[in-house]
mmCIF file of all heavy atoms, coordinates in Angstrom:
data_MODEL
# 
_entry.id   MODEL 
# 
loop_
_atom_site.group_PDB 
_atom_site.id 
_atom_site.type_symbol 
_atom_site.label_atom_id 
_atom_site.label_alt_id 
_atom_site.label_comp_id 
_atom_site.label_asym_id 
_atom_site.label_entity_id 
_atom_site.label_seq_id 
_atom_site.pdbx_PDB_ins_code 
_atom_site.Cartn_x 
_atom_site.Cartn_y 
_atom_site.Cartn_z 
_atom_site.occupancy 
_atom_site.B_iso_or_equiv 
_atom_site.pdbx_formal_charge 
_atom_site.auth_seq_id 
_atom_site.auth_comp_id 
_atom_site.auth_asym_id 
_atom_site.auth_atom_id 
_atom_site.pdbx_PDB_model_num 
ATOM 1   N N   . LYS A 1 1  ? -50.518 -21.343 -31.820 1.00 0.00 ? 1  LYS A N   1 
ATOM 2   C CA  . LYS A 1 1  ? -49.749 -21.184 -30.618 1.00 0.00 ? 1  LYS A CA  1 
ATOM 3   C C   . LYS A 1 1  ? -48.308 -20.878 -30.862 1.00 0.00 ? 1  LYS A C   1 
ATOM 4   O O   . LYS A 1 1  ? -47.663 -20.020 -30.215 1.00 0.00 ? 1  LYS A O   1 
ATOM 5   C CB  . LYS A 1 1  ? -49.865 -22.432 -29.736 1.00 0.00 ? 1  LYS A CB  1 
ATOM 6   C CG  . LYS A 1 1  ? -51.198 -22.605 -29.052 1.00 0.00 ? 1  LYS A CG  1 
ATOM 7   C CD  . LYS A 1 1  ? -51.154 -23.779 -28.091 1.00 0.00 ? 1  LYS A CD  1 
ATOM 8   C CE  . LYS A 1 1  ? -52.387 -23.876 -27.233 1.00 0.00 ? 1  LYS A CE  1 
ATOM 9   N NZ  . LYS A 1 1  ? -52.340 -24.909 -26.180 1.00 0.00 ? 1  LYS A NZ  1 
ATOM 10  N N   . GLY A 1 2  ? -47.723 -21.541 -31.899 1.00 0.00 ? 2  GLY A N   1 
ATOM 11  C CA  . GLY A 1 2  ? -46.321 -21.299 -32.208 1.00 0.00 ? 2  GLY A CA  1 
ATOM 12  C C   . GLY A 1 2  ? -46.057 -19.903 -32.710 1.00 0.00 ? 2  GLY A C   1 
ATOM 13  O O   . GLY A 1 2  ? -45.074 -19.224 -32.291 1.00 0.00 ? 2  GLY A O   1 
ATOM 14  N N   . ILE A 1 3  ? -46.961 -19.386 -33.567 1.00 0.00 ? 3  ILE A N   1 
ATOM 15  C CA  . ILE A 1 3  ? -46.796 -18.051 -34.060 1.00 0.00 ? 3  ILE A CA  1 
ATOM 16  C C   . ILE A 1 3  ? -46.942 -17.042 -32.933 1.00 0.00 ? 3  ILE A C   1 
ATOM 17  O O   . ILE A 1 3  ? -46.124 -16.070 -32.813 1.00 0.00 ? 3  ILE A O   1 
ATOM 18  C CB  . ILE A 1 3  ? -47.869 -17.742 -35.149 1.00 0.00 ? 3  ILE A CB  1 
ATOM 19  C CG1 . ILE A 1 3  ? -47.552 -18.562 -36.416 1.00 0.00 ? 3  ILE A CG1 1 
ATOM 20  C CG2 . ILE A 1 3  ? -47.917 -16.253 -35.498 1.00 0.00 ? 3  ILE A CG2 1 
ATOM 21  C CD1 . ILE A 1 3  ? -48.667 -18.473 -37.509 1.00 0.00 ? 3  ILE A CD1 1 
ATOM 22  N N   . ILE A 1 4  ? -47.930 -17.203 -32.054 1.00 0.00 ? 4  ILE A N   1 
ATOM 23  C CA  . ILE A 1 4  ? -48.141 -16.266 -30.962 1.00 0.00 ? 4  ILE A CA  1 
ATOM 24  C C   . ILE A 1 4  ? -46.981 -16.304 -29.971 1.00 0.00 ? 4  ILE A C   1 
ATOM 25  O O   . ILE A 1 4  ? -46.515 -15.263 -29.501 1.00 0.00 ? 4  ILE A O   1 
ATOM 26  C CB  . ILE A 1 4  ? -49.468 -16.555 -30.250 1.00 0.00 ? 4  ILE A CB  1 
ATOM 27  C CG1 . ILE A 1 4  ? -50.668 -16.236 -31.182 1.00 0.00 ? 4  ILE A CG1 1 
ATOM 28  C CG2 . ILE A 1 4  ? -49.600 -15.809 -28.942 1.00 0.00 ? 4  ILE A CG2 1 
ATOM 29  C CD1 . ILE A 1 4  ? -51.991 -16.599 -30.652 1.00 0.00 ? 4  ILE A CD1 1 
ATOM 30  N N   . ASP A 1 5  ? -46.451 -17.496 -29.745 1.00 0.00 ? 5  ASP A N   1 
ATOM 31  C CA  . ASP A 1 5  ? -45.296 -17.645 -28.836 1.00 0.00 ? 5  ASP A CA  1 
ATOM 32  C C   . ASP A 1 5  ? -44.084 -16.896 -29.431 1.00 0.00 ? 5  ASP A C   1 
ATOM 33  O O   . ASP A 1 5  ? -43.400 -16.135 -28.700 1.00 0.00 ? 5  ASP A O   1 
ATOM 34  C CB  . ASP A 1 5  ? -44.971 -19.123 -28.631 1.00 0.00 ? 5  ASP A CB  1 
ATOM 35  C CG  . ASP A 1 5  ? -43.882 -19.313 -27.610 1.00 0.00 ? 5  ASP A CG  1 
ATOM 36  O OD1 . ASP A 1 5  ? -43.974 -18.784 -26.495 1.00 0.00 ? 5  ASP A OD1 1 
ATOM 37  O OD2 . ASP A 1 5  ? -42.913 -20.016 -27.901 1.00 0.00 ? 5  ASP A OD2 1 
ATOM 38  N N   . ASN A 1 6  ? -43.796 -17.102 -30.690 1.00 0.00 ? 6  ASN A N   1 
ATOM 39  C CA  . ASN A 1 6  ? -42.673 -16.442 -31.314 1.00 0.00 ? 6  ASN A CA  1 
ATOM 40  C C   . ASN A 1 6  ? -42.846 -14.946 -31.402 1.00 0.00 ? 6  ASN A C   1 
ATOM 41  O O   . ASN A 1 6  ? -41.940 -14.138 -31.199 1.00 0.00 ? 6  ASN A O   1 
ATOM 42  C CB  . ASN A 1 6  ? -42.409 -16.996 -32.698 1.00 0.00 ? 6  ASN A CB  1 
ATOM 43  C CG  . ASN A 1 6  ? -41.863 -18.416 -32.664 1.00 0.00 ? 6  ASN A CG  1 
ATOM 44  O OD1 . ASN A 1 6  ? -41.186 -18.785 -31.757 1.00 0.00 ? 6  ASN A OD1 1 
ATOM 45  N ND2 . ASN A 1 6  ? -42.170 -19.229 -33.733 1.00 0.00 ? 6  ASN A ND2 1 
ATOM 46  N N   . MET A 1 7  ? -44.096 -14.541 -31.691 1.00 0.00 ? 7  MET A N   1 
ATOM 47  C CA  . MET A 1 7  ? -44.422 -13.083 -31.731 1.00 0.00 ? 7  MET A CA  1 
ATOM 48  C C   . MET A 1 7  ? -44.184 -12.412 -30.331 1.00 0.00 ? 7  MET A C   1 
ATOM 49  O O   . MET A 1 7  ? -43.667 -11.301 -30.250 1.00 0.00 ? 7  MET A O   1 
ATOM 50  C CB  . MET A 1 7  ? -45.829 -12.897 -32.176 1.00 0.00 ? 7  MET A CB  1 
ATOM 51  C CG  . MET A 1 7  ? -46.302 -11.454 -32.333 1.00 0.00 ? 7  MET A CG  1 
ATOM 52  S SD  . MET A 1 7  ? -47.991 -11.311 -32.864 1.00 0.00 ? 7  MET A SD  1 
ATOM 53  C CE  . MET A 1 7  ? -47.837 -11.842 -34.563 1.00 0.00 ? 7  MET A CE  1 
ATOM 54  N N   . SER A 1 8  ? -44.568 -13.130 -29.312 1.00 0.00 ? 8  SER A N   1 
ATOM 55  C CA  . SER A 1 8  ? -44.417 -12.586 -27.938 1.00 0.00 ? 8  SER A CA  1 
ATOM 56  C C   . SER A 1 8  ? -42.944 -12.491 -27.575 1.00 0.00 ? 8  SER A C   1 
ATOM 57  O O   . SER A 1 8  ? -42.502 -11.556 -26.926 1.00 0.00 ? 8  SER A O   1 
ATOM 58  C CB  . SER A 1 8  ? -45.194 -13.450 -26.943 1.00 0.00 ? 8  SER A CB  1 
ATOM 59  O OG  . SER A 1 8  ? -46.579 -13.448 -27.248 1.00 0.00 ? 8  SER A OG  1 
ATOM 60  N N   . LYS A 1 9  ? -42.171 -13.548 -27.950 1.00 0.00 ? 9  LYS A N   1 
ATOM 61  C CA  . LYS A 1 9  ? -40.728 -13.520 -27.686 1.00 0.00 ? 9  LYS A CA  1 
ATOM 62  C C   . LYS A 1 9  ? -40.036 -12.389 -28.428 1.00 0.00 ? 9  LYS A C   1 
ATOM 63  O O   . LYS A 1 9  ? -39.098 -11.756 -27.902 1.00 0.00 ? 9  LYS A O   1 
ATOM 64  C CB  . LYS A 1 9  ? -40.128 -14.843 -28.080 1.00 0.00 ? 9  LYS A CB  1 
ATOM 65  C CG  . LYS A 1 9  ? -40.455 -16.008 -27.172 1.00 0.00 ? 9  LYS A CG  1 
ATOM 66  C CD  . LYS A 1 9  ? -39.818 -17.308 -27.700 1.00 0.00 ? 9  LYS A CD  1 
ATOM 67  C CE  . LYS A 1 9  ? -40.224 -18.458 -26.759 1.00 0.00 ? 9  LYS A CE  1 
ATOM 68  N NZ  . LYS A 1 9  ? -39.694 -19.752 -27.290 1.00 0.00 ? 9  LYS A NZ  1 
ATOM 69  N N   . ARG A 1 10 ? -40.491 -12.130 -29.628 1.00 0.00 ? 10 ARG A N   1 
ATOM 70  C CA  . ARG A 1 10 ? -39.828 -11.133 -30.484 1.00 0.00 ? 10 ARG A CA  1 
ATOM 71  C C   . ARG A 1 10 ? -40.233 -9.732  -30.112 1.00 0.00 ? 10 ARG A C   1 
ATOM 72  O O   . ARG A 1 10 ? -39.389 -8.811  -30.078 1.00 0.00 ? 10 ARG A O   1 
ATOM 73  C CB  . ARG A 1 10 ? -40.219 -11.394 -31.919 1.00 0.00 ? 10 ARG A CB  1 
ATOM 74  C CG  . ARG A 1 10 ? -39.659 -10.430 -32.939 1.00 0.00 ? 10 ARG A CG  1 
ATOM 75  C CD  . ARG A 1 10 ? -38.157 -10.548 -33.111 1.00 0.00 ? 10 ARG A CD  1 
ATOM 76  N NE  . ARG A 1 10 ? -37.665 -9.634  -34.120 1.00 0.00 ? 10 ARG A NE  1 
ATOM 77  C CZ  . ARG A 1 10 ? -37.381 -8.341  -33.919 1.00 0.00 ? 10 ARG A CZ  1 
ATOM 78  N NH1 . ARG A 1 10 ? -37.557 -7.810  -32.688 1.00 0.00 ? 10 ARG A NH1 1 
ATOM 79  N NH2 . ARG A 1 10 ? -36.948 -7.558  -34.909 1.00 0.00 ? 10 ARG A NH2 1 
ATOM 80  N N   . PHE A 1 11 ? -41.522 -9.485  -29.762 1.00 0.00 ? 11 PHE A N   1 
ATOM 81  C CA  . PHE A 1 11 ? -41.997 -8.114  -29.616 1.00 0.00 ? 11 PHE A CA  1 
ATOM 82  C C   . PHE A 1 11 ? -42.598 -7.845  -28.217 1.00 0.00 ? 11 PHE A C   1 
ATOM 83  O O   . PHE A 1 11 ? -42.997 -6.716  -27.945 1.00 0.00 ? 11 PHE A O   1 
ATOM 84  C CB  . PHE A 1 11 ? -42.995 -7.786  -30.670 1.00 0.00 ? 11 PHE A CB  1 
ATOM 85  C CG  . PHE A 1 11 ? -42.471 -7.868  -32.068 1.00 0.00 ? 11 PHE A CG  1 
ATOM 86  C CD1 . PHE A 1 11 ? -42.921 -8.843  -32.971 1.00 0.00 ? 11 PHE A CD1 1 
ATOM 87  C CD2 . PHE A 1 11 ? -41.496 -7.005  -32.489 1.00 0.00 ? 11 PHE A CD2 1 
ATOM 88  C CE1 . PHE A 1 11 ? -42.396 -8.930  -34.239 1.00 0.00 ? 11 PHE A CE1 1 
ATOM 89  C CE2 . PHE A 1 11 ? -40.966 -7.051  -33.802 1.00 0.00 ? 11 PHE A CE2 1 
ATOM 90  C CZ  . PHE A 1 11 ? -41.406 -8.046  -34.660 1.00 0.00 ? 11 PHE A CZ  1 
ATOM 91  N N   . GLY A 1 12 ? -42.704 -8.906  -27.389 1.00 0.00 ? 12 GLY A N   1 
ATOM 92  C CA  . GLY A 1 12 ? -43.185 -8.690  -26.000 1.00 0.00 ? 12 GLY A CA  1 
ATOM 93  C C   . GLY A 1 12 ? -42.086 -8.509  -25.030 1.00 0.00 ? 12 GLY A C   1 
ATOM 94  O O   . GLY A 1 12 ? -40.965 -8.274  -25.378 1.00 0.00 ? 12 GLY A O   1 
ATOM 95  N N   . ASN A 1 13 ? -42.398 -8.602  -23.768 1.00 0.00 ? 13 ASN A N   1 
ATOM 96  C CA  . ASN A 1 13 ? -41.411 -8.479  -22.672 1.00 0.00 ? 13 ASN A CA  1 
ATOM 97  C C   . ASN A 1 13 ? -41.330 -9.754  -21.870 1.00 0.00 ? 13 ASN A C   1 
ATOM 98  O O   . ASN A 1 13 ? -42.345 -10.406 -21.608 1.00 0.00 ? 13 ASN A O   1 
ATOM 99  C CB  . ASN A 1 13 ? -41.800 -7.324  -21.739 1.00 0.00 ? 13 ASN A CB  1 
ATOM 100 C CG  . ASN A 1 13 ? -41.834 -5.996  -22.439 1.00 0.00 ? 13 ASN A CG  1 
ATOM 101 O OD1 . ASN A 1 13 ? -40.818 -5.617  -23.107 1.00 0.00 ? 13 ASN A OD1 1 
ATOM 102 N ND2 . ASN A 1 13 ? -42.921 -5.279  -22.382 1.00 0.00 ? 13 ASN A ND2 1 
ATOM 103 N N   . LEU A 1 14 ? -40.103 -10.116 -21.463 1.00 0.00 ? 14 LEU A N   1 
ATOM 104 C CA  . LEU A 1 14 ? -39.950 -11.254 -20.610 1.00 0.00 ? 14 LEU A CA  1 
ATOM 105 C C   . LEU A 1 14 ? -40.517 -10.927 -19.218 1.00 0.00 ? 14 LEU A C   1 
ATOM 106 O O   . LEU A 1 14 ? -40.154 -9.944  -18.618 1.00 0.00 ? 14 LEU A O   1 
ATOM 107 C CB  . LEU A 1 14 ? -38.468 -11.589 -20.468 1.00 0.00 ? 14 LEU A CB  1 
ATOM 108 C CG  . LEU A 1 14 ? -38.072 -12.731 -19.515 1.00 0.00 ? 14 LEU A CG  1 
ATOM 109 C CD1 . LEU A 1 14 ? -38.634 -14.048 -20.051 1.00 0.00 ? 14 LEU A CD1 1 
ATOM 110 C CD2 . LEU A 1 14 ? -36.592 -12.811 -19.322 1.00 0.00 ? 14 LEU A CD2 1 
ATOM 111 N N   . ILE A 1 15 ? -41.453 -11.774 -18.766 1.00 0.00 ? 15 ILE A N   1 
ATOM 112 C CA  . ILE A 1 15 ? -42.083 -11.493 -17.501 1.00 0.00 ? 15 ILE A CA  1 
ATOM 113 C C   . ILE A 1 15 ? -41.866 -12.591 -16.427 1.00 0.00 ? 15 ILE A C   1 
ATOM 114 O O   . ILE A 1 15 ? -42.036 -12.345 -15.243 1.00 0.00 ? 15 ILE A O   1 
ATOM 115 C CB  . ILE A 1 15 ? -43.614 -11.293 -17.639 1.00 0.00 ? 15 ILE A CB  1 
ATOM 116 C CG1 . ILE A 1 15 ? -44.310 -12.490 -18.258 1.00 0.00 ? 15 ILE A CG1 1 
ATOM 117 C CG2 . ILE A 1 15 ? -43.911 -10.015 -18.459 1.00 0.00 ? 15 ILE A CG2 1 
ATOM 118 C CD1 . ILE A 1 15 ? -45.795 -12.426 -18.216 1.00 0.00 ? 15 ILE A CD1 1 
ATOM 119 N N   . TRP A 1 16 ? -41.431 -13.776 -16.896 1.00 0.00 ? 16 TRP A N   1 
ATOM 120 C CA  . TRP A 1 16 ? -41.257 -14.856 -15.889 1.00 0.00 ? 16 TRP A CA  1 
ATOM 121 C C   . TRP A 1 16 ? -40.391 -15.964 -16.420 1.00 0.00 ? 16 TRP A C   1 
ATOM 122 O O   . TRP A 1 16 ? -40.474 -16.318 -17.619 1.00 0.00 ? 16 TRP A O   1 
ATOM 123 C CB  . TRP A 1 16 ? -42.608 -15.386 -15.476 1.00 0.00 ? 16 TRP A CB  1 
ATOM 124 C CG  . TRP A 1 16 ? -42.556 -16.364 -14.290 1.00 0.00 ? 16 TRP A CG  1 
ATOM 125 C CD1 . TRP A 1 16 ? -42.949 -17.665 -14.307 1.00 0.00 ? 16 TRP A CD1 1 
ATOM 126 C CD2 . TRP A 1 16 ? -42.024 -16.091 -12.990 1.00 0.00 ? 16 TRP A CD2 1 
ATOM 127 N NE1 . TRP A 1 16 ? -42.659 -18.243 -13.062 1.00 0.00 ? 16 TRP A NE1 1 
ATOM 128 C CE2 . TRP A 1 16 ? -42.106 -17.303 -12.262 1.00 0.00 ? 16 TRP A CE2 1 
ATOM 129 C CE3 . TRP A 1 16 ? -41.454 -14.972 -12.390 1.00 0.00 ? 16 TRP A CE3 1 
ATOM 130 C CZ2 . TRP A 1 16 ? -41.679 -17.350 -10.925 1.00 0.00 ? 16 TRP A CZ2 1 
ATOM 131 C CZ3 . TRP A 1 16 ? -41.033 -15.018 -11.072 1.00 0.00 ? 16 TRP A CZ3 1 
ATOM 132 C CH2 . TRP A 1 16 ? -41.139 -16.226 -10.350 1.00 0.00 ? 16 TRP A CH2 1 
ATOM 133 N N   . LYS A 1 17 ? -39.571 -16.544 -15.564 1.00 0.00 ? 17 LYS A N   1 
ATOM 134 C CA  . LYS A 1 17 ? -38.795 -17.727 -15.874 1.00 0.00 ? 17 LYS A CA  1 
ATOM 135 C C   . LYS A 1 17 ? -39.074 -18.787 -14.850 1.00 0.00 ? 17 LYS A C   1 
ATOM 136 O O   . LYS A 1 17 ? -39.128 -18.487 -13.639 1.00 0.00 ? 17 LYS A O   1 
ATOM 137 C CB  . LYS A 1 17 ? -37.303 -17.390 -15.891 1.00 0.00 ? 17 LYS A CB  1 
ATOM 138 C CG  . LYS A 1 17 ? -36.769 -16.581 -17.008 1.00 0.00 ? 17 LYS A CG  1 
ATOM 139 C CD  . LYS A 1 17 ? -35.251 -16.422 -16.923 1.00 0.00 ? 17 LYS A CD  1 
ATOM 140 C CE  . LYS A 1 17 ? -34.690 -15.620 -18.070 1.00 0.00 ? 17 LYS A CE  1 
ATOM 141 N NZ  . LYS A 1 17 ? -33.196 -15.490 -17.975 1.00 0.00 ? 17 LYS A NZ  1 
ATOM 142 N N   . THR A 1 18 ? -39.203 -20.005 -15.263 1.00 0.00 ? 18 THR A N   1 
ATOM 143 C CA  . THR A 1 18 ? -39.359 -21.132 -14.318 1.00 0.00 ? 18 THR A CA  1 
ATOM 144 C C   . THR A 1 18 ? -38.894 -22.430 -14.972 1.00 0.00 ? 18 THR A C   1 
ATOM 145 O O   . THR A 1 18 ? -39.292 -22.762 -16.103 1.00 0.00 ? 18 THR A O   1 
ATOM 146 C CB  . THR A 1 18 ? -40.838 -21.253 -13.825 1.00 0.00 ? 18 THR A CB  1 
ATOM 147 O OG1 . THR A 1 18 ? -40.955 -22.360 -12.952 1.00 0.00 ? 18 THR A OG1 1 
ATOM 148 C CG2 . THR A 1 18 ? -41.784 -21.510 -15.004 1.00 0.00 ? 18 THR A CG2 1 
ATOM 149 N N   . ASP A 1 19 ? -38.039 -23.142 -14.315 1.00 0.00 ? 19 ASP A N   1 
ATOM 150 C CA  . ASP A 1 19 ? -37.548 -24.425 -14.806 1.00 0.00 ? 19 ASP A CA  1 
ATOM 151 C C   . ASP A 1 19 ? -37.001 -24.308 -16.212 1.00 0.00 ? 19 ASP A C   1 
ATOM 152 O O   . ASP A 1 19 ? -37.224 -25.221 -17.033 1.00 0.00 ? 19 ASP A O   1 
ATOM 153 C CB  . ASP A 1 19 ? -38.649 -25.489 -14.755 1.00 0.00 ? 19 ASP A CB  1 
ATOM 154 C CG  . ASP A 1 19 ? -39.181 -25.738 -13.318 1.00 0.00 ? 19 ASP A CG  1 
ATOM 155 O OD1 . ASP A 1 19 ? -38.352 -25.619 -12.383 1.00 0.00 ? 19 ASP A OD1 1 
ATOM 156 O OD2 . ASP A 1 19 ? -40.347 -26.057 -13.176 1.00 0.00 ? 19 ASP A OD2 1 
ATOM 157 N N   . GLY A 1 20 ? -36.275 -23.255 -16.506 1.00 0.00 ? 20 GLY A N   1 
ATOM 158 C CA  . GLY A 1 20 ? -35.669 -23.084 -17.824 1.00 0.00 ? 20 GLY A CA  1 
ATOM 159 C C   . GLY A 1 20 ? -36.626 -22.614 -18.892 1.00 0.00 ? 20 GLY A C   1 
ATOM 160 O O   . GLY A 1 20 ? -36.219 -22.445 -20.050 1.00 0.00 ? 20 GLY A O   1 
ATOM 161 N N   . ARG A 1 21 ? -37.915 -22.358 -18.537 1.00 0.00 ? 21 ARG A N   1 
ATOM 162 C CA  . ARG A 1 21 ? -38.878 -21.901 -19.533 1.00 0.00 ? 21 ARG A CA  1 
ATOM 163 C C   . ARG A 1 21 ? -39.090 -20.379 -19.293 1.00 0.00 ? 21 ARG A C   1 
ATOM 164 O O   . ARG A 1 21 ? -39.138 -19.920 -18.209 1.00 0.00 ? 21 ARG A O   1 
ATOM 165 C CB  . ARG A 1 21 ? -40.184 -22.641 -19.416 1.00 0.00 ? 21 ARG A CB  1 
ATOM 166 C CG  . ARG A 1 21 ? -40.004 -24.170 -19.580 1.00 0.00 ? 21 ARG A CG  1 
ATOM 167 C CD  . ARG A 1 21 ? -41.317 -24.899 -19.639 1.00 0.00 ? 21 ARG A CD  1 
ATOM 168 N NE  . ARG A 1 21 ? -42.280 -24.556 -18.608 1.00 0.00 ? 21 ARG A NE  1 
ATOM 169 C CZ  . ARG A 1 21 ? -42.218 -25.020 -17.336 1.00 0.00 ? 21 ARG A CZ  1 
ATOM 170 N NH1 . ARG A 1 21 ? -41.159 -25.747 -16.949 1.00 0.00 ? 21 ARG A NH1 1 
ATOM 171 N NH2 . ARG A 1 21 ? -43.107 -24.664 -16.414 1.00 0.00 ? 21 ARG A NH2 1 
ATOM 172 N N   . GLU A 1 22 ? -39.274 -19.708 -20.421 1.00 0.00 ? 22 GLU A N   1 
ATOM 173 C CA  . GLU A 1 22 ? -39.496 -18.248 -20.355 1.00 0.00 ? 22 GLU A CA  1 
ATOM 174 C C   . GLU A 1 22 ? -40.886 -17.921 -20.813 1.00 0.00 ? 22 GLU A C   1 
ATOM 175 O O   . GLU A 1 22 ? -41.413 -18.523 -21.763 1.00 0.00 ? 22 GLU A O   1 
ATOM 176 C CB  . GLU A 1 22 ? -38.429 -17.517 -21.186 1.00 0.00 ? 22 GLU A CB  1 
ATOM 177 C CG  . GLU A 1 22 ? -37.002 -17.699 -20.721 1.00 0.00 ? 22 GLU A CG  1 
ATOM 178 C CD  . GLU A 1 22 ? -36.007 -16.934 -21.605 1.00 0.00 ? 22 GLU A CD  1 
ATOM 179 O OE1 . GLU A 1 22 ? -36.364 -16.634 -22.764 1.00 0.00 ? 22 GLU A OE1 1 
ATOM 180 O OE2 . GLU A 1 22 ? -34.905 -16.690 -21.127 1.00 0.00 ? 22 GLU A OE2 1 
ATOM 181 N N   . PHE A 1 23 ? -41.466 -16.940 -20.190 1.00 0.00 ? 23 PHE A N   1 
ATOM 182 C CA  . PHE A 1 23 ? -42.820 -16.503 -20.539 1.00 0.00 ? 23 PHE A CA  1 
ATOM 183 C C   . PHE A 1 23 ? -42.802 -14.975 -20.796 1.00 0.00 ? 23 PHE A C   1 
ATOM 184 O O   . PHE A 1 23 ? -42.187 -14.208 -20.057 1.00 0.00 ? 23 PHE A O   1 
ATOM 185 C CB  . PHE A 1 23 ? -43.776 -16.749 -19.383 1.00 0.00 ? 23 PHE A CB  1 
ATOM 186 C CG  . PHE A 1 23 ? -43.923 -18.265 -19.088 1.00 0.00 ? 23 PHE A CG  1 
ATOM 187 C CD1 . PHE A 1 23 ? -42.990 -18.901 -18.290 1.00 0.00 ? 23 PHE A CD1 1 
ATOM 188 C CD2 . PHE A 1 23 ? -44.982 -18.984 -19.660 1.00 0.00 ? 23 PHE A CD2 1 
ATOM 189 C CE1 . PHE A 1 23 ? -43.136 -20.279 -18.074 1.00 0.00 ? 23 PHE A CE1 1 
ATOM 190 C CE2 . PHE A 1 23 ? -45.082 -20.334 -19.417 1.00 0.00 ? 23 PHE A CE2 1 
ATOM 191 C CZ  . PHE A 1 23 ? -44.191 -20.997 -18.629 1.00 0.00 ? 23 PHE A CZ  1 
ATOM 192 N N   . TYR A 1 24 ? -43.448 -14.616 -21.917 1.00 0.00 ? 24 TYR A N   1 
ATOM 193 C CA  . TYR A 1 24 ? -43.436 -13.250 -22.405 1.00 0.00 ? 24 TYR A CA  1 
ATOM 194 C C   . TYR A 1 24 ? -44.824 -12.654 -22.439 1.00 0.00 ? 24 TYR A C   1 
ATOM 195 O O   . TYR A 1 24 ? -45.819 -13.360 -22.643 1.00 0.00 ? 24 TYR A O   1 
ATOM 196 C CB  . TYR A 1 24 ? -42.797 -13.201 -23.809 1.00 0.00 ? 24 TYR A CB  1 
ATOM 197 C CG  . TYR A 1 24 ? -41.346 -13.520 -23.845 1.00 0.00 ? 24 TYR A CG  1 
ATOM 198 C CD1 . TYR A 1 24 ? -40.917 -14.863 -23.750 1.00 0.00 ? 24 TYR A CD1 1 
ATOM 199 C CD2 . TYR A 1 24 ? -40.353 -12.529 -23.905 1.00 0.00 ? 24 TYR A CD2 1 
ATOM 200 C CE1 . TYR A 1 24 ? -39.574 -15.206 -23.795 1.00 0.00 ? 24 TYR A CE1 1 
ATOM 201 C CE2 . TYR A 1 24 ? -38.999 -12.854 -23.934 1.00 0.00 ? 24 TYR A CE2 1 
ATOM 202 C CZ  . TYR A 1 24 ? -38.645 -14.174 -23.863 1.00 0.00 ? 24 TYR A CZ  1 
ATOM 203 O OH  . TYR A 1 24 ? -37.295 -14.447 -23.897 1.00 0.00 ? 24 TYR A OH  1 
ATOM 204 N N   . SER A 1 25 ? -44.895 -11.351 -22.296 1.00 0.00 ? 25 SER A N   1 
ATOM 205 C CA  . SER A 1 25 ? -46.139 -10.646 -22.470 1.00 0.00 ? 25 SER A CA  1 
ATOM 206 C C   . SER A 1 25 ? -46.534 -10.641 -23.953 1.00 0.00 ? 25 SER A C   1 
ATOM 207 O O   . SER A 1 25 ? -45.719 -10.761 -24.830 1.00 0.00 ? 25 SER A O   1 
ATOM 208 C CB  . SER A 1 25 ? -46.037 -9.186  -21.969 1.00 0.00 ? 25 SER A CB  1 
ATOM 209 O OG  . SER A 1 25 ? -45.087 -8.494  -22.744 1.00 0.00 ? 25 SER A OG  1 
ATOM 210 N N   . PHE A 1 26 ? -47.812 -10.515 -24.198 1.00 0.00 ? 26 PHE A N   1 
ATOM 211 C CA  . PHE A 1 26 ? -48.299 -10.362 -25.588 1.00 0.00 ? 26 PHE A CA  1 
ATOM 212 C C   . PHE A 1 26 ? -47.892 -9.002  -26.101 1.00 0.00 ? 26 PHE A C   1 
ATOM 213 O O   . PHE A 1 26 ? -48.045 -8.009  -25.348 1.00 0.00 ? 26 PHE A O   1 
ATOM 214 C CB  . PHE A 1 26 ? -49.803 -10.558 -25.663 1.00 0.00 ? 26 PHE A CB  1 
ATOM 215 C CG  . PHE A 1 26 ? -50.320 -10.737 -27.064 1.00 0.00 ? 26 PHE A CG  1 
ATOM 216 C CD1 . PHE A 1 26 ? -50.301 -11.929 -27.676 1.00 0.00 ? 26 PHE A CD1 1 
ATOM 217 C CD2 . PHE A 1 26 ? -50.779 -9.625  -27.777 1.00 0.00 ? 26 PHE A CD2 1 
ATOM 218 C CE1 . PHE A 1 26 ? -50.743 -12.102 -28.958 1.00 0.00 ? 26 PHE A CE1 1 
ATOM 219 C CE2 . PHE A 1 26 ? -51.239 -9.756  -29.062 1.00 0.00 ? 26 PHE A CE2 1 
ATOM 220 C CZ  . PHE A 1 26 ? -51.280 -11.009 -29.681 1.00 0.00 ? 26 PHE A CZ  1 
ATOM 221 N N   . PRO A 1 27 ? -47.352 -8.888  -27.333 1.00 0.00 ? 27 PRO A N   1 
ATOM 222 C CA  . PRO A 1 27 ? -46.940 -7.593  -27.807 1.00 0.00 ? 27 PRO A CA  1 
ATOM 223 C C   . PRO A 1 27 ? -48.069 -6.614  -27.952 1.00 0.00 ? 27 PRO A C   1 
ATOM 224 O O   . PRO A 1 27 ? -49.223 -6.943  -28.249 1.00 0.00 ? 27 PRO A O   1 
ATOM 225 C CB  . PRO A 1 27 ? -46.348 -7.909  -29.183 1.00 0.00 ? 27 PRO A CB  1 
ATOM 226 C CG  . PRO A 1 27 ? -46.923 -9.203  -29.558 1.00 0.00 ? 27 PRO A CG  1 
ATOM 227 C CD  . PRO A 1 27 ? -47.128 -9.977  -28.298 1.00 0.00 ? 27 PRO A CD  1 
# 
């Protein structure tokens, strides 16, 4: 999960923010 999360932050797109948390698309 950690690797996928970091990969998405690095190479995906920001798609949603809520309560200070950010969610990214899968690269």
